[in-house]
Amino acid sequence: MPESKQTYLHIENLTKYFGDFVAVSNLSLEIFSGEFICFLGPSGCGKTTLLRAIAGLDPQSSGDITQDDKVISNIPPSERDFGIVFQSYALFPNLTVFQNVAYGLENQRMPKDEIRKRVLDLLELVGMPEHTEKYPAQLSGGEQQRVALSRALATSPGLLLLDEPLSALDARVRAALRQEIR
């Protein structure tokens, strides 16, 4: 008997307006547990807007979003189970690399020794174990991208939203991160 797939993310008739401008129109989709989905399209077609709506950062104008059988359409981002990496990285400039990656874990009140291990493991994975005390302004664009991805992966979220996450990375790091994301 074939294994039935469990729907993890269900979006129904999602529309997002910015004033009179329709950024996303009546989009419906279903993503199953363990699936990887890539949205492709030209600049300005609504890819980032869709990710931000799923995350609750720019709530949809209409439509419903369900994650793991829970309607999340009207709950704040802090109560949703996701990690996100923006094209602009969105690192905290006043925090070190270690503090940026540890941020979500500290908010979850994880024990300090577990935070330290998780952060150091992730920084090792992305090839940056020696950068723990640096600030984002001291890093290249590719290094900032690796820190942002490490921060998104740190909490082991159920849903990982990535807006061009691997574009500035070299081939070796890109291959290792593809494995970690899976």
C-alpha atoms as a PDB file:
ATOM      1  CA  MET A   1       0.000   0.000   0.000  1.00  0.00           C
ATOM      2  CA  PRO A   2       1.546   3.362  -0.970  1.00  0.00           C
ATOM      3  CA  GLU A   3       2.410   5.723   1.839  1.00  0.00           C
ATOM      4  CA  SER A   4       0.051   8.702   1.949  1.00  0.00           C
ATOM      5  CA  LYS A   5       1.670  12.103   2.054  1.00  0.00           C
ATOM      6  CA  GLN A   6       0.915  14.407   4.969  1.00  0.00           C
ATOM      7  CA  THR A   7       0.143  18.005   4.008  1.00  0.00           C
ATOM      8  CA  TYR A   8       2.445  20.316   5.951  1.00  0.00           C
ATOM      9  CA  LEU A   9       1.614  23.705   4.439  1.00  0.00           C
ATOM     10  CA  HIS A  10      -1.692  24.508   2.760  1.00  0.00           C
ATOM     11  CA  ILE A  11      -2.385  27.905   1.224  1.00  0.00           C
ATOM     12  CA  GLU A  12      -5.830  28.656  -0.120  1.00  0.00           C
ATOM     13  CA  ASN A  13      -6.764  31.683  -2.236  1.00  0.00           C
ATOM     14  CA  LEU A  14      -4.004  33.899  -0.820  1.00  0.00           C
ATOM     15  CA  THR A  15      -4.097  37.471  -2.079  1.00  0.00           C
ATOM     16  CA  LYS A  16      -1.841  40.308  -0.985  1.00  0.00           C
ATOM     17  CA  TYR A  17      -2.432  43.958  -1.838  1.00  0.00           C
ATOM     18  CA  PHE A  18      -0.137  46.904  -1.288  1.00  0.00           C
ATOM     19  CA  GLY A  19      -2.620  49.752  -1.667  1.00  0.00           C
ATOM     20  CA  ASP A  20      -4.215  49.176  -5.080  1.00  0.00           C
ATOM     21  CA  PHE A  21      -1.318  47.025  -6.293  1.00  0.00           C
ATOM     22  CA  VAL A  22      -1.970  43.265  -6.340  1.00  0.00           C
ATOM     23  CA  ALA A  23       1.318  41.587  -5.365  1.00  0.00           C
ATOM     24  CA  VAL A  24      -0.077  38.032  -5.124  1.00  0.00           C
ATOM     25  CA  SER A  25      -3.440  37.063  -6.597  1.00  0.00           C
ATOM     26  CA  ASN A  26      -5.576  34.141  -5.442  1.00  0.00           C
ATOM     27  CA  LEU A  27      -2.685  31.688  -4.947  1.00  0.00           C
ATOM     28  CA  SER A  28      -3.411  28.175  -3.698  1.00  0.00           C
ATOM     29  CA  LEU A  29      -0.869  25.432  -3.077  1.00  0.00           C
ATOM     30  CA  GLU A  30      -0.186  22.393  -0.966  1.00  0.00           C
ATOM     31  CA  ILE A  31       3.249  21.339   0.281  1.00  0.00           C
ATOM     32  CA  PHE A  32       3.771  17.912   1.801  1.00  0.00           C
ATOM     33  CA  SER A  33       6.024  17.033   4.740  1.00  0.00           C
ATOM     34  CA  GLY A  34       9.626  16.667   3.609  1.00  0.00           C
ATOM     35  CA  GLU A  35       9.102  18.405   0.273  1.00  0.00           C
ATOM     36  CA  PHE A  36      11.321  21.132  -1.118  1.00  0.00           C
ATOM     37  CA  ILE A  37       9.564  23.770  -3.162  1.00  0.00           C
ATOM     38  CA  CYS A  38      11.235  26.474  -5.204  1.00  0.00           C
ATOM     39  CA  PHE A  39       9.385  29.523  -6.475  1.00  0.00           C
ATOM     40  CA  LEU A  40      10.936  30.857  -9.663  1.00  0.00           C
ATOM     41  CA  GLY A  41      10.057  34.019 -11.483  1.00  0.00           C
ATOM     42  CA  PRO A  42      11.276  37.439 -12.508  1.00  0.00           C
ATOM     43  CA  SER A  43      11.999  40.197 -10.045  1.00  0.00           C
ATOM     44  CA  GLY A  44       8.816  41.736  -8.666  1.00  0.00           C
ATOM     45  CA  CYS A  45       6.524  38.778  -9.374  1.00  0.00           C
ATOM     46  CA  GLY A  46       5.639  38.161  -5.695  1.00  0.00           C
ATOM     47  CA  LYS A  47       8.076  35.475  -4.497  1.00  0.00           C
ATOM     48  CA  THR A  48       9.327  37.424  -1.477  1.00  0.00           C
ATOM     49  CA  THR A  49       5.820  38.725  -0.735  1.00  0.00           C
ATOM     50  CA  LEU A  50       4.569  35.132  -0.594  1.00  0.00           C
ATOM     51  CA  LEU A  51       7.356  34.094   1.801  1.00  0.00           C
ATOM     52  CA  ARG A  52       6.667  37.108   4.020  1.00  0.00           C
ATOM     53  CA  ALA A  53       2.938  36.286   4.073  1.00  0.00           C
ATOM     54  CA  ILE A  54       3.658  32.676   5.085  1.00  0.00           C
ATOM     55  CA  ALA A  55       5.910  33.978   7.860  1.00  0.00           C
ATOM     56  CA  GLY A  56       3.276  36.496   8.980  1.00  0.00           C
ATOM     57  CA  LEU A  57       5.600  39.443   8.416  1.00  0.00           C
ATOM     58  CA  ASP A  58       3.291  40.921   5.751  1.00  0.00           C
ATOM     59  CA  PRO A  59      -0.111  39.364   6.514  1.00  0.00           C
ATOM     60  CA  GLN A  60      -2.171  38.342   3.517  1.00  0.00           C
ATOM     61  CA  SER A  61      -5.084  40.554   2.480  1.00  0.00           C
ATOM     62  CA  SER A  62      -7.289  37.482   2.057  1.00  0.00           C
ATOM     63  CA  GLY A  63      -6.988  33.711   1.999  1.00  0.00           C
ATOM     64  CA  ASP A  64      -5.927  31.095   4.520  1.00  0.00           C
ATOM     65  CA  ILE A  65      -2.604  29.556   5.522  1.00  0.00           C
ATOM     66  CA  THR A  66      -2.479  26.266   7.426  1.00  0.00           C
ATOM     67  CA  GLN A  67       0.764  24.779   8.760  1.00  0.00           C
ATOM     68  CA  ASP A  68       0.846  21.259  10.190  1.00  0.00           C
ATOM     69  CA  ASP A  69      -2.979  21.233  10.540  1.00  0.00           C
ATOM     70  CA  LYS A  70      -2.999  24.570  12.410  1.00  0.00           C
ATOM     71  CA  VAL A  71      -4.512  27.687  10.842  1.00  0.00           C
ATOM     72  CA  ILE A  72      -1.793  30.337  11.129  1.00  0.00           C
ATOM     73  CA  SER A  73      -3.376  33.032   8.960  1.00  0.00           C
ATOM     74  CA  ASN A  74      -3.946  35.439  11.836  1.00  0.00           C
ATOM     75  CA  ILE A  75      -1.312  34.508  14.399  1.00  0.00           C
ATOM     76  CA  PRO A  76       1.849  36.585  14.908  1.00  0.00           C
ATOM     77  CA  PRO A  77       5.212  35.499  13.467  1.00  0.00           C
ATOM     78  CA  SER A  78       6.526  34.701  16.957  1.00  0.00           C
ATOM     79  CA  GLU A  79       3.961  31.904  17.258  1.00  0.00           C
ATOM     80  CA  ARG A  80       4.709  30.327  13.861  1.00  0.00           C
ATOM     81  CA  ASP A  81       7.221  27.504  13.374  1.00  0.00           C
ATOM     82  CA  PHE A  82       9.579  28.819  10.713  1.00  0.00           C
ATOM     83  CA  GLY A  83      13.099  29.996  10.044  1.00  0.00           C
ATOM     84  CA  ILE A  84      13.684  32.618   7.379  1.00  0.00           C
ATOM     85  CA  VAL A  85      16.672  33.930   5.466  1.00  0.00           C
ATOM     86  CA  PHE A  86      16.105  37.151   3.573  1.00  0.00           C
ATOM     87  CA  GLN A  87      18.014  38.164   0.486  1.00  0.00           C
ATOM     88  CA  SER A  88      19.356  41.072   2.584  1.00  0.00           C
ATOM     89  CA  TYR A  89      20.327  38.690   5.470  1.00  0.00           C
ATOM     90  CA  ALA A  90      18.717  40.864   8.223  1.00  0.00           C
ATOM     91  CA  LEU A  91      21.476  40.269  10.779  1.00  0.00           C
ATOM     92  CA  PHE A  92      21.569  42.270  14.000  1.00  0.00           C
ATOM     93  CA  PRO A  93      24.486  44.692  13.461  1.00  0.00           C
ATOM     94  CA  ASN A  94      25.125  45.149  17.192  1.00  0.00           C
ATOM     95  CA  LEU A  95      25.443  41.403  17.879  1.00  0.00           C
ATOM     96  CA  THR A  96      28.427  39.169  17.178  1.00  0.00           C
ATOM     97  CA  VAL A  97      28.194  36.221  14.814  1.00  0.00           C
ATOM     98  CA  PHE A  98      27.770  33.892  17.815  1.00  0.00           C
ATOM     99  CA  GLN A  99      25.031  36.085  19.297  1.00  0.00           C
ATOM    100  CA  ASN A 100      23.197  36.339  15.951  1.00  0.00           C
ATOM    101  CA  VAL A 101      23.105  32.553  15.539  1.00  0.00           C
ATOM    102  CA  ALA A 102      22.202  32.013  19.216  1.00  0.00           C
ATOM    103  CA  TYR A 103      19.387  34.579  19.201  1.00  0.00           C
ATOM    104  CA  GLY A 104      16.448  32.228  18.538  1.00  0.00           C
ATOM    105  CA  LEU A 105      17.828  29.560  20.863  1.00  0.00           C
ATOM    106  CA  GLU A 106      18.093  32.073  23.706  1.00  0.00           C
ATOM    107  CA  ASN A 107      14.495  33.151  23.072  1.00  0.00           C
ATOM    108  CA  GLN A 108      13.504  29.486  23.396  1.00  0.00           C
ATOM    109  CA  ARG A 109      15.345  29.444  26.740  1.00  0.00           C
ATOM    110  CA  MET A 110      17.624  26.606  25.698  1.00  0.00           C
ATOM    111  CA  PRO A 111      20.391  25.839  28.247  1.00  0.00           C
ATOM    112  CA  LYS A 112      23.578  27.841  27.579  1.00  0.00           C
ATOM    113  CA  ASP A 113      25.783  24.777  27.061  1.00  0.00           C
ATOM    114  CA  GLU A 114      23.364  23.413  24.435  1.00  0.00           C
ATOM    115  CA  ILE A 115      23.241  26.823  22.739  1.00  0.00           C
ATOM    116  CA  ARG A 116      27.022  26.953  22.599  1.00  0.00           C
ATOM    117  CA  LYS A 117      27.260  23.470  21.075  1.00  0.00           C
ATOM    118  CA  ARG A 118      24.519  24.104  18.494  1.00  0.00           C
ATOM    119  CA  VAL A 119      25.970  27.472  17.435  1.00  0.00           C
ATOM    120  CA  LEU A 120      29.519  26.127  17.143  1.00  0.00           C
ATOM    121  CA  ASP A 121      28.296  23.083  15.173  1.00  0.00           C
ATOM    122  CA  LEU A 122      26.428  25.323  12.726  1.00  0.00           C
ATOM    123  CA  LEU A 123      29.349  27.715  12.313  1.00  0.00           C
ATOM    124  CA  GLU A 124      31.601  24.711  11.644  1.00  0.00           C
ATOM    125  CA  LEU A 125      29.112  23.482   9.039  1.00  0.00           C
ATOM    126  CA  VAL A 126      29.211  26.798   7.159  1.00  0.00           C
ATOM    127  CA  GLY A 127      32.997  27.086   7.440  1.00  0.00           C
ATOM    128  CA  MET A 128      33.064  29.963   9.933  1.00  0.00           C
ATOM    129  CA  PRO A 129      34.130  28.542  13.316  1.00  0.00           C
ATOM    130  CA  GLU A 130      36.772  31.253  13.762  1.00  0.00           C
ATOM    131  CA  HIS A 131      34.332  34.163  13.269  1.00  0.00           C
ATOM    132  CA  THR A 132      32.287  33.884  16.484  1.00  0.00           C
ATOM    133  CA  GLU A 133      33.336  37.281  17.868  1.00  0.00           C
ATOM    134  CA  LYS A 134      33.096  39.276  14.649  1.00  0.00           C
ATOM    135  CA  TYR A 135      30.240  41.650  13.870  1.00  0.00           C
ATOM    136  CA  PRO A 136      28.260  41.562  10.600  1.00  0.00           C
ATOM    137  CA  ALA A 137      29.981  44.711   9.289  1.00  0.00           C
ATOM    138  CA  GLN A 138      33.313  42.854   9.512  1.00  0.00           C
ATOM    139  CA  LEU A 139      32.108  40.061   7.209  1.00  0.00           C
ATOM    140  CA  SER A 140      31.839  39.711   3.443  1.00  0.00           C
ATOM    141  CA  GLY A 141      28.413  39.350   1.842  1.00  0.00           C
ATOM    142  CA  GLY A 142      28.861  35.587   1.487  1.00  0.00           C
ATOM    143  CA  GLU A 143      29.893  35.278   5.137  1.00  0.00           C
ATOM    144  CA  GLN A 144      26.858  37.294   6.239  1.00  0.00           C
ATOM    145  CA  GLN A 145      24.668  34.970   4.190  1.00  0.00           C
ATOM    146  CA  ARG A 146      26.179  31.935   5.946  1.00  0.00           C
ATOM    147  CA  VAL A 147      25.507  33.494   9.362  1.00  0.00           C
ATOM    148  CA  ALA A 148      21.893  34.244   8.384  1.00  0.00           C
ATOM    149  CA  LEU A 149      21.379  30.664   7.220  1.00  0.00           C
ATOM    150  CA  SER A 150      22.965  29.318  10.423  1.00  0.00           C
ATOM    151  CA  ARG A 151      20.611  31.469  12.479  1.00  0.00           C
ATOM    152  CA  ALA A 152      17.593  30.184  10.527  1.00  0.00           C
ATOM    153  CA  LEU A 153      18.693  26.553  10.974  1.00  0.00           C
ATOM    154  CA  ALA A 154      19.577  26.915  14.670  1.00  0.00           C
ATOM    155  CA  THR A 155      16.085  26.317  16.041  1.00  0.00           C
ATOM    156  CA  SER A 156      15.428  23.354  13.701  1.00  0.00           C
ATOM    157  CA  PRO A 157      12.200  24.936  12.432  1.00  0.00           C
ATOM    158  CA  GLY A 158       9.428  22.912  10.849  1.00  0.00           C
ATOM    159  CA  LEU A 159       9.405  25.290   7.878  1.00  0.00           C
ATOM    160  CA  LEU A 160      12.441  26.976   6.382  1.00  0.00           C
ATOM    161  CA  LEU A 161      11.735  29.981   4.133  1.00  0.00           C
ATOM    162  CA  LEU A 162      14.725  30.965   2.024  1.00  0.00           C
ATOM    163  CA  ASP A 163      14.874  34.023  -0.232  1.00  0.00           C
ATOM    164  CA  GLU A 164      17.874  33.367  -2.511  1.00  0.00           C
ATOM    165  CA  PRO A 165      19.831  31.800   0.373  1.00  0.00           C
ATOM    166  CA  LEU A 166      22.735  30.216  -1.481  1.00  0.00           C
ATOM    167  CA  SER A 167      23.421  32.754  -4.222  1.00  0.00           C
ATOM    168  CA  ALA A 168      26.581  34.287  -2.695  1.00  0.00           C
ATOM    169  CA  LEU A 169      28.161  31.032  -1.486  1.00  0.00           C
ATOM    170  CA  ASP A 170      31.019  29.055  -2.991  1.00  0.00           C
ATOM    171  CA  ALA A 171      30.310  25.571  -4.388  1.00  0.00           C
ATOM    172  CA  ARG A 172      31.700  23.623  -1.385  1.00  0.00           C
ATOM    173  CA  VAL A 173      29.660  25.520   1.210  1.00  0.00           C
ATOM    174  CA  ARG A 174      26.591  25.453  -1.053  1.00  0.00           C
ATOM    175  CA  ALA A 175      26.758  21.626  -1.289  1.00  0.00           C
ATOM    176  CA  ALA A 176      27.204  21.209   2.488  1.00  0.00           C
ATOM    177  CA  LEU A 177      24.300  23.545   3.236  1.00  0.00           C
ATOM    178  CA  ARG A 178      22.002  21.777   0.784  1.00  0.00           C
ATOM    179  CA  GLN A 179      22.621  18.601   2.799  1.00  0.00           C
ATOM    180  CA  GLU A 180      21.938  20.355   6.135  1.00  0.00           C
ATOM    181  CA  ILE A 181      18.741  21.946   4.831  1.00  0.00           C
ATOM    182  CA  ARG A 182      17.448  18.510   3.821  1.00  0.00           C
END
